[in-house]
Amino acid sequence: MTGLPTWRSAWQEALYGAQGFFRREAPSAHFRTSVHASPLFARALVRLAREAGLDAVVDVGAGRGELLASLHAIDPTLTLLGVEVAARPEGLPRGIGWEPVLPASIDGLVVANEWLDNVPCEVVQVDDEGTPRLVHVDPATGSECLGAPVTDPAGPPGLGAWLEKWWPLPEPGLRAEVGTARDQAWSQVVGRIRHGLAVAVDYGHTRDDRPPFGSLRSYREGVEVEVLPDGSRDVTAHVAVDAIAAAVGGRLVRQREELRRLGVSGERPPLDLARSAPASYLSELSRASEAAELTDPAGLGGFFWVITDV
């Protein structure tokens, strides 16, 4: 019906192909995550690992190793591994491992911070007759057209059933990012853990608040730009976190609540400290500001954690 790739195919090539965005670009140059906001995020993960009796951390989608470097600085006794398609970054402490794929088995805490939103998935749209169809896209221009129905036996399996269960589309024009690929990707990660804990951290939505026209976005150099799967920019979409949790038997919690449980508090230091110990007051005030950003319910604090005990 069309010679253009589906969104998933174009998206995959744009981010992870031979000249893909994440093979060339450092994510920190284009967007800010909890890892970049404060070392308090890494400190909380160390506490989480130690609470669970774990002495290893695997970072899936490790970027340029920023989280791993922070973890190493906080607790050098941890065994650390980064999993990333890009080459090992220069300057990463020698004791930190770096691989392009996950090991066959894992004992430890596995963390994926803002990784699932970059796992490409199929985009569908309901046509004028009420049939959900695959959306195809021109990577060079972003122009779209509708392709085969999601129920086509020759197409990707499971799309129709996933939509019916997790993201019903009752009206023409509505769109969705079908989460089957993400459910499978995270299930494969969790399936490699023999003993440990899996934590996926991301912005997302649940069945009660799905975006009616999807959530595809692109960012470059910290600015939202036109969505285009040409490899020049990030391509991302919010995660159907309830489907992810169901796929791996995980539980959902907001980052705000989990970080507070792990000791990250945005409470300001008492003013008396400013008079008795000004340097300490400024240090505590800076830490409180960082904690406030990490736990802001309208920002990073509103992110979901999918936590799975294995």
Protein backbone atom coordinates (compact mmCIF):
# COMPACT_ATOMS: atom_id res chain seq x y z
CA MET A 1 0.00 0.00 0.00
CA THR A 2 2.93 2.33 0.64
CA GLY A 3 6.65 2.31 0.05
CA LEU A 4 7.32 4.29 3.22
CA PRO A 5 8.46 2.57 6.44
CA THR A 6 6.20 2.29 9.44
CA TRP A 7 6.98 4.59 12.35
CA ARG A 8 8.66 1.81 14.28
CA SER A 9 11.03 0.97 11.44
CA ALA A 10 11.92 4.60 10.72
CA TRP A 11 12.30 5.36 14.42
CA GLN A 12 14.59 2.38 14.96
CA GLU A 13 16.88 3.42 12.13
CA ALA A 14 16.90 7.06 13.24
CA LEU A 15 18.03 6.30 16.78
CA TYR A 16 19.97 3.04 16.55
CA GLY A 17 20.96 2.52 12.91
CA ALA A 18 24.57 2.62 11.76
CA GLN A 19 24.51 6.43 11.87
CA GLY A 20 21.76 6.63 14.49
CA PHE A 21 21.28 9.52 16.85
CA PHE A 22 22.30 7.62 20.00
CA ARG A 23 25.41 6.20 18.35
CA ARG A 24 26.66 9.73 17.60
CA GLU A 25 25.17 12.02 20.22
CA ALA A 26 25.51 12.32 23.99
CA PRO A 27 21.96 12.42 25.42
CA SER A 28 22.97 15.03 28.00
CA ALA A 29 23.60 17.50 25.17
CA HIS A 30 19.94 17.35 24.21
CA PHE A 31 17.83 16.74 27.31
CA ARG A 32 18.05 16.77 31.09
CA THR A 33 17.17 13.72 33.17
CA SER A 34 17.13 12.98 36.89
CA VAL A 35 20.71 11.71 36.53
CA HIS A 36 21.86 15.12 35.30
CA ALA A 37 19.74 17.04 37.79
CA SER A 38 21.45 15.83 40.95
CA PRO A 39 23.71 13.12 42.41
CA LEU A 40 20.91 12.61 44.95
CA PHE A 41 19.25 10.39 42.34
CA ALA A 42 22.28 8.10 42.25
CA ARG A 43 22.50 8.16 46.04
CA ALA A 44 18.89 6.96 46.25
CA LEU A 45 19.64 4.08 43.88
CA VAL A 46 22.62 3.04 45.99
CA ARG A 47 20.35 2.94 49.02
CA LEU A 48 17.76 0.94 47.06
CA ALA A 49 20.37 -1.62 46.02
CA ARG A 50 21.76 -1.96 49.51
CA GLU A 51 18.28 -2.29 51.02
CA ALA A 52 17.75 -5.27 48.72
CA GLY A 53 21.11 -6.79 49.65
CA LEU A 54 22.53 -6.21 46.17
CA ASP A 55 26.09 -5.24 45.32
CA ALA A 56 25.81 -4.76 41.54
CA VAL A 57 24.02 -2.22 39.35
CA VAL A 58 23.37 -2.49 35.61
CA ASP A 59 22.42 0.72 33.80
CA VAL A 60 20.41 0.04 30.62
CA GLY A 61 20.68 2.90 28.16
CA ALA A 62 23.67 4.29 30.01
CA GLY A 63 24.21 7.36 27.83
CA ARG A 64 27.76 8.49 28.49
CA GLY A 65 28.04 6.80 31.87
CA GLU A 66 26.95 9.72 34.05
CA LEU A 67 24.86 7.61 36.42
CA LEU A 68 27.54 4.95 36.69
CA ALA A 69 30.20 7.53 37.49
CA SER A 70 28.01 8.97 40.25
CA LEU A 71 27.31 5.52 41.67
CA HIS A 72 31.03 4.73 41.66
CA ALA A 73 31.84 7.97 43.48
CA ILE A 74 29.22 7.26 46.14
CA ASP A 75 30.05 3.57 46.66
CA PRO A 76 33.21 2.30 44.94
CA THR A 77 32.51 -1.24 46.18
CA LEU A 78 29.56 -1.66 43.80
CA THR A 79 30.03 -3.74 40.66
CA LEU A 80 28.81 -1.52 37.82
CA LEU A 81 27.93 -2.19 34.18
CA GLY A 82 26.68 0.15 31.48
CA VAL A 83 24.68 -1.21 28.52
CA GLU A 84 24.66 1.19 25.57
CA VAL A 85 24.95 1.11 21.77
CA ALA A 86 27.53 3.91 21.82
CA ALA A 87 31.22 3.23 22.43
CA ARG A 88 32.62 3.33 25.93
CA PRO A 89 33.06 6.98 26.92
CA GLU A 90 36.51 8.34 27.64
CA GLY A 91 37.23 9.06 31.28
CA LEU A 92 34.86 6.45 32.70
CA PRO A 93 36.49 4.86 35.77
CA ARG A 94 38.33 1.69 34.79
CA GLY A 95 36.38 -0.54 37.15
CA ILE A 96 33.05 0.18 35.43
CA GLY A 97 32.03 -2.36 32.77
CA TRP A 98 30.60 -1.33 29.40
CA GLU A 99 28.81 -3.56 26.87
CA PRO A 100 26.53 -3.08 23.84
CA VAL A 101 24.11 -5.80 25.03
CA LEU A 102 22.87 -7.20 28.32
CA PRO A 103 24.66 -10.17 29.86
CA ALA A 104 22.83 -13.49 29.72
CA SER A 105 22.18 -13.45 33.47
CA ILE A 106 22.22 -10.71 36.09
CA ASP A 107 22.40 -10.60 39.85
CA GLY A 108 21.78 -7.07 41.04
CA LEU A 109 19.79 -3.91 40.51
CA VAL A 110 18.90 -3.16 36.88
CA VAL A 111 17.99 0.46 36.16
CA ALA A 112 16.62 1.97 32.95
CA ASN A 113 16.21 5.71 33.36
CA GLU A 114 14.33 7.23 30.42
CA TRP A 115 15.15 4.29 28.17
CA LEU A 116 11.75 2.82 27.38
CA ASP A 117 10.47 6.11 25.92
CA ASN A 118 13.16 5.68 23.24
CA VAL A 119 12.24 2.07 22.43
CA PRO A 120 10.57 2.43 19.00
CA CYS A 121 7.01 1.21 18.63
CA GLU A 122 4.32 1.17 15.99
CA VAL A 123 2.07 4.22 15.66
CA VAL A 124 -1.54 3.68 14.67
CA GLN A 125 -4.40 5.99 13.71
CA VAL A 126 -8.11 5.34 13.28
CA ASP A 127 -9.31 5.99 9.73
CA ASP A 128 -12.64 7.58 8.75
CA GLU A 129 -14.37 4.17 8.87
CA GLY A 130 -13.21 3.51 12.43
CA THR A 131 -10.41 1.06 11.60
CA PRO A 132 -7.04 1.45 13.37
CA ARG A 133 -4.26 1.41 10.77
CA LEU A 134 -0.48 1.49 10.88
CA VAL A 135 1.00 4.92 10.24
CA HIS A 136 3.85 5.15 7.73
CA VAL A 137 6.25 8.07 7.66
CA ASP A 138 8.75 9.66 5.30
CA PRO A 139 11.94 9.95 7.41
CA ALA A 140 13.15 12.96 5.44
CA THR A 141 10.00 15.08 5.63
CA GLY A 142 7.80 13.61 8.37
CA SER A 143 4.91 13.22 5.94
CA GLU A 144 2.58 10.40 6.95
CA CYS A 145 0.08 8.06 5.36
CA LEU A 146 -2.08 5.23 6.66
CA GLY A 147 -1.26 1.64 5.83
CA ALA A 148 -2.73 -1.76 6.62
CA PRO A 149 -5.21 -2.38 9.46
CA VAL A 150 -3.60 -3.51 12.70
CA THR A 151 -5.52 -6.80 12.32
CA ASP A 152 -3.81 -7.63 9.00
CA PRO A 153 -2.29 -11.13 9.41
CA ALA A 154 0.76 -10.01 7.40
CA GLY A 155 1.48 -7.17 9.81
CA PRO A 156 3.14 -7.07 13.24
CA PRO A 157 1.43 -9.52 15.62
CA GLY A 158 -0.53 -8.57 18.71
CA LEU A 159 -1.23 -4.91 17.93
CA GLY A 160 -5.02 -5.21 17.86
CA ALA A 161 -5.22 -7.19 21.09
CA TRP A 162 -2.86 -4.77 22.87
CA LEU A 163 -4.92 -1.76 21.75
CA GLU A 164 -8.16 -3.36 22.86
CA LYS A 165 -6.75 -4.09 26.32
CA TRP A 166 -4.59 -1.05 26.97
CA TRP A 167 -5.44 1.80 24.60
CA PRO A 168 -8.89 1.60 22.98
CA LEU A 169 -9.40 4.02 20.09
CA PRO A 170 -13.16 4.58 19.69
CA GLU A 171 -13.18 7.50 17.21
CA PRO A 172 -11.73 8.39 13.79
CA GLY A 173 -8.54 10.45 13.97
CA LEU A 174 -7.38 9.13 17.35
CA ARG A 175 -3.81 7.85 17.56
CA ALA A 176 -1.72 5.63 19.79
CA GLU A 177 1.80 4.34 20.21
CA VAL A 178 1.35 0.59 20.56
CA GLY A 179 3.42 -0.67 23.48
CA THR A 180 3.99 -4.29 22.45
CA ALA A 181 7.66 -3.71 21.58
CA ARG A 182 8.28 -1.96 24.88
CA ASP A 183 6.52 -4.64 26.90
CA GLN A 184 8.69 -7.24 25.17
CA ALA A 185 11.89 -5.23 25.57
CA TRP A 186 11.45 -4.77 29.31
CA SER A 187 10.28 -8.36 29.78
CA GLN A 188 13.51 -9.52 28.14
CA VAL A 189 15.54 -7.35 30.52
CA VAL A 190 13.72 -8.59 33.60
CA GLY A 191 13.92 -12.16 32.34
CA ARG A 192 17.71 -12.06 32.55
CA ILE A 193 17.72 -11.30 36.27
CA ARG A 194 18.37 -14.35 38.42
CA HIS A 195 18.24 -12.48 41.70
CA GLY A 196 17.68 -8.78 42.05
CA LEU A 197 15.51 -5.81 41.33
CA ALA A 198 14.46 -4.13 38.08
CA VAL A 199 13.51 -0.45 37.98
CA ALA A 200 12.28 1.35 34.85
CA VAL A 201 11.98 5.11 35.35
CA ASP A 202 10.12 7.15 32.76
CA TYR A 203 7.43 9.63 31.91
CA GLY A 204 4.26 7.82 31.06
CA HIS A 205 0.52 7.37 31.25
CA THR A 206 -2.07 4.81 32.29
CA ARG A 207 -5.29 3.69 30.64
CA ASP A 208 -7.26 6.41 32.42
CA ASP A 209 -5.18 9.25 30.97
CA ARG A 210 -3.88 8.21 27.55
CA PRO A 211 -3.14 11.16 25.21
CA PRO A 212 -5.85 11.03 22.52
CA PHE A 213 -3.47 11.81 19.65
CA GLY A 214 -0.36 10.06 20.96
CA SER A 215 2.74 11.69 22.38
CA LEU A 216 5.49 11.56 19.75
CA ARG A 217 8.09 14.27 20.39
CA SER A 218 11.56 15.25 19.19
CA TYR A 219 14.25 17.18 21.05
CA ARG A 220 17.56 18.65 19.97
CA GLU A 221 19.96 20.71 22.05
CA GLY A 222 17.43 21.04 24.86
CA VAL A 223 14.63 22.39 22.64
CA GLU A 224 11.51 20.64 21.36
CA VAL A 225 11.62 20.53 17.56
CA GLU A 226 9.56 19.05 14.75
CA VAL A 227 9.11 15.30 15.08
CA LEU A 228 11.28 13.75 12.40
CA PRO A 229 12.87 10.27 12.28
CA ASP A 230 15.86 11.35 10.19
CA GLY A 231 18.60 10.73 12.77
CA SER A 232 19.22 14.41 13.46
CA ARG A 233 17.22 14.49 16.70
CA ASP A 234 15.77 12.43 19.49
CA VAL A 235 12.44 10.71 18.92
CA THR A 236 10.47 9.81 22.03
CA ALA A 237 6.97 8.96 23.21
CA HIS A 238 5.47 8.54 26.67
CA VAL A 239 5.29 5.00 28.02
CA ALA A 240 2.14 3.00 28.75
CA VAL A 241 3.52 2.18 32.18
CA ASP A 242 0.58 0.09 33.37
CA ALA A 243 1.10 -2.29 30.45
CA ILE A 244 4.82 -2.49 31.24
CA ALA A 245 4.08 -3.28 34.89
CA ALA A 246 1.58 -5.98 33.95
CA ALA A 247 4.05 -7.57 31.53
CA VAL A 248 6.68 -8.10 34.24
CA GLY A 249 4.61 -8.35 37.41
CA GLY A 250 5.87 -4.99 38.60
CA ARG A 251 4.37 -2.28 40.75
CA LEU A 252 3.92 1.38 39.87
CA VAL A 253 5.00 4.24 42.09
CA ARG A 254 5.65 7.90 41.38
CA GLN A 255 9.24 9.09 41.60
CA ARG A 256 8.26 11.67 44.19
CA GLU A 257 7.08 9.02 46.64
CA GLU A 258 9.91 6.56 46.03
CA LEU A 259 12.68 9.14 46.31
CA ARG A 260 11.20 10.48 49.52
CA ARG A 261 11.13 6.96 50.89
CA LEU A 262 14.79 6.68 49.96
CA GLY A 263 15.69 9.81 51.86
CA VAL A 264 15.55 12.52 49.19
CA SER A 265 13.85 15.49 50.81
CA GLY A 266 13.35 19.01 49.50
CA GLU A 267 12.92 20.42 52.99
CA ARG A 268 14.88 23.65 53.40
CA PRO A 269 17.47 23.87 56.19
CA PRO A 270 16.58 25.95 59.27
CA LEU A 271 17.49 29.65 59.05
CA ASP A 272 19.39 29.37 62.34
CA LEU A 273 21.98 27.34 60.45
CA ALA A 274 22.64 30.33 58.18
CA ARG A 275 23.84 32.30 61.18
CA SER A 276 25.75 29.56 62.98
CA ALA A 277 27.27 27.81 59.95
CA PRO A 278 26.77 29.77 56.70
CA ALA A 279 28.74 27.34 54.52
CA SER A 280 26.74 24.37 55.76
CA TYR A 281 23.52 26.30 55.26
CA LEU A 282 24.37 27.04 51.62
CA SER A 283 25.32 23.42 51.03
CA GLU A 284 22.08 22.15 52.57
CA LEU A 285 20.06 24.74 50.65
CA SER A 286 21.61 23.60 47.36
CA ARG A 287 20.85 19.98 48.22
CA ALA A 288 17.25 20.87 49.07
CA SER A 289 16.85 22.67 45.73
CA GLU A 290 18.12 19.62 43.86
CA ALA A 291 15.81 17.36 45.84
CA ALA A 292 12.87 19.66 45.09
CA GLU A 293 13.54 19.34 41.36
CA LEU A 294 13.75 15.55 41.56
CA THR A 295 10.47 15.32 43.49
CA ASP A 296 8.45 18.08 41.78
CA PRO A 297 5.11 16.43 40.94
CA ALA A 298 4.77 18.62 37.84
CA GLY A 299 8.21 17.57 36.60
CA LEU A 300 10.62 14.76 37.40
CA GLY A 301 8.71 13.82 40.54
CA GLY A 302 5.72 12.90 38.38
CA PHE A 303 7.69 10.20 36.56
CA PHE A 304 6.72 6.57 37.13
CA TRP A 305 8.94 3.85 38.57
CA VAL A 306 8.06 0.29 37.50
CA ILE A 307 9.67 -1.84 40.23
CA THR A 308 9.95 -5.60 39.89
CA ASP A 309 11.41 -7.96 42.50
CA VAL A 310 12.99 -11.07 41.04
